[in-house]
Amino acid sequence: MARNIKFYEQYSMVCQVITKPSRLLIIDLISKGKMNVSELQEKTQLSTSSLSNHLNALFKMGVLNKTKDGVYAYYSLADTSLLKIIENMSKFVLKLSENKAEFLREE
């Protein structure tokens, strides 16, 4: 399937949204089940403002779903296929780290 530049622009935008370390942590936590802001704040130790910005960015990009239950907003993953991408990237990063460590030992 041939892809055009618009596809890669969108691809890049999604990557930019999910590649911040705090957002990867949020995605990892939410992958285990829906969580509200208080739970996420406790686990991430992010300020309310910072956490809110990250959640809004992930929600706007379509990475997270948000549901209201009384006064609480709960976040969940919109599509679990994202987890496979993150898992594969994690494996790649670990492999790079191992190769770099091996390279440094050789010097």
Protein backbone atom coordinates (compact mmCIF):
# COMPACT_ATOMS: atom_id res chain seq x y z
CA MET A 1 0.00 0.00 0.00
CA ALA A 2 1.49 3.32 -1.07
CA ARG A 3 1.39 6.01 1.58
CA ASN A 4 1.62 9.72 0.96
CA ILE A 5 3.15 12.55 2.96
CA LYS A 6 -0.17 13.29 4.73
CA PHE A 7 -0.10 9.80 6.23
CA TYR A 8 3.41 10.35 7.56
CA GLU A 9 2.49 13.77 8.92
CA GLN A 10 -0.32 12.16 10.91
CA TYR A 11 1.99 9.31 11.95
CA SER A 12 4.53 11.85 13.19
CA MET A 13 1.89 13.76 15.16
CA VAL A 14 0.81 10.60 16.98
CA CYS A 15 4.44 9.73 17.74
CA GLN A 16 5.09 13.22 19.11
CA VAL A 17 2.11 12.95 21.45
CA ILE A 18 2.98 9.53 22.86
CA THR A 19 6.76 9.79 23.15
CA LYS A 20 7.00 12.04 26.18
CA PRO A 21 8.21 9.98 29.16
CA SER A 22 5.31 11.06 31.41
CA ARG A 23 2.79 10.12 28.73
CA LEU A 24 4.37 6.70 28.26
CA LEU A 25 4.08 6.19 32.03
CA ILE A 26 0.41 7.25 31.94
CA ILE A 27 -0.30 4.86 29.05
CA ASP A 28 1.46 2.05 30.91
CA LEU A 29 -0.56 2.66 34.08
CA ILE A 30 -3.87 2.93 32.23
CA SER A 31 -3.10 -0.22 30.25
CA LYS A 32 -3.76 -2.16 33.46
CA GLY A 33 -7.28 -0.72 33.76
CA LYS A 34 -9.18 2.54 33.80
CA MET A 35 -7.98 5.14 36.29
CA ASN A 36 -9.18 8.50 37.53
CA VAL A 37 -7.06 11.63 37.86
CA SER A 38 -6.46 11.17 41.60
CA GLU A 39 -5.17 7.63 41.07
CA LEU A 40 -2.94 8.74 38.22
CA GLN A 41 -1.60 11.67 40.20
CA GLU A 42 -0.70 9.39 43.11
CA LYS A 43 1.10 6.93 40.82
CA THR A 44 2.88 9.46 38.60
CA GLN A 45 3.66 12.18 41.18
CA LEU A 46 2.92 14.78 38.49
CA SER A 47 1.38 18.11 39.40
CA THR A 48 -2.34 18.47 38.71
CA SER A 49 -1.63 20.93 35.91
CA SER A 50 1.01 18.76 34.24
CA LEU A 51 -1.10 15.60 34.50
CA SER A 52 -4.11 17.43 33.11
CA ASN A 53 -2.09 18.67 30.11
CA HIS A 54 -0.79 15.17 29.37
CA LEU A 55 -4.23 13.58 29.70
CA ASN A 56 -5.82 16.22 27.46
CA ALA A 57 -3.16 15.73 24.77
CA LEU A 58 -3.60 11.94 24.83
CA PHE A 59 -7.39 12.29 24.80
CA LYS A 60 -7.41 14.81 21.91
CA MET A 61 -5.16 12.55 19.83
CA GLY A 62 -7.55 9.64 20.42
CA VAL A 63 -5.15 7.58 22.53
CA LEU A 64 -7.40 7.71 25.61
CA ASN A 65 -11.12 7.51 26.26
CA LYS A 66 -12.68 9.54 29.06
CA THR A 67 -15.85 8.61 30.93
CA LYS A 68 -17.57 10.44 33.78
CA ASP A 69 -18.79 8.66 36.89
CA GLY A 70 -20.24 11.21 39.27
CA VAL A 71 -17.53 13.76 40.01
CA TYR A 72 -14.71 11.54 38.69
CA ALA A 73 -13.38 11.32 35.15
CA TYR A 74 -11.95 7.91 34.31
CA TYR A 75 -9.42 7.34 31.55
CA SER A 76 -8.90 4.16 29.58
CA LEU A 77 -7.04 3.21 26.43
CA ALA A 78 -8.99 3.88 23.24
CA ASP A 79 -7.18 1.09 21.38
CA THR A 80 -4.97 -1.56 22.92
CA SER A 81 -3.03 -2.07 19.67
CA LEU A 82 -0.94 0.89 20.81
CA LEU A 83 0.49 -1.34 23.55
CA LYS A 84 2.04 -3.65 20.94
CA ILE A 85 3.78 -0.68 19.35
CA ILE A 86 5.13 0.49 22.71
CA GLU A 87 6.20 -3.05 23.62
CA ASN A 88 8.07 -3.45 20.33
CA MET A 89 9.74 -0.06 20.78
CA SER A 90 10.72 -1.05 24.34
CA LYS A 91 12.36 -4.22 23.01
CA PHE A 92 14.18 -2.17 20.39
CA VAL A 93 15.41 0.34 22.97
CA LEU A 94 16.64 -2.47 25.26
CA LYS A 95 18.46 -4.06 22.35
CA LEU A 96 20.10 -0.74 21.47
CA SER A 97 21.10 -0.30 25.11
CA GLU A 98 22.66 -3.77 25.19
CA ASN A 99 24.52 -3.13 21.94
CA LYS A 100 25.76 0.23 23.19
CA ALA A 101 26.93 -1.31 26.48
CA GLU A 102 28.73 -4.06 24.52
CA PHE A 103 30.33 -1.44 22.26
CA LEU A 104 31.50 0.61 25.25
CA ARG A 105 33.09 -2.50 26.87
CA GLU A 106 35.08 -3.11 23.68
CA GLU A 107 36.74 0.32 23.79
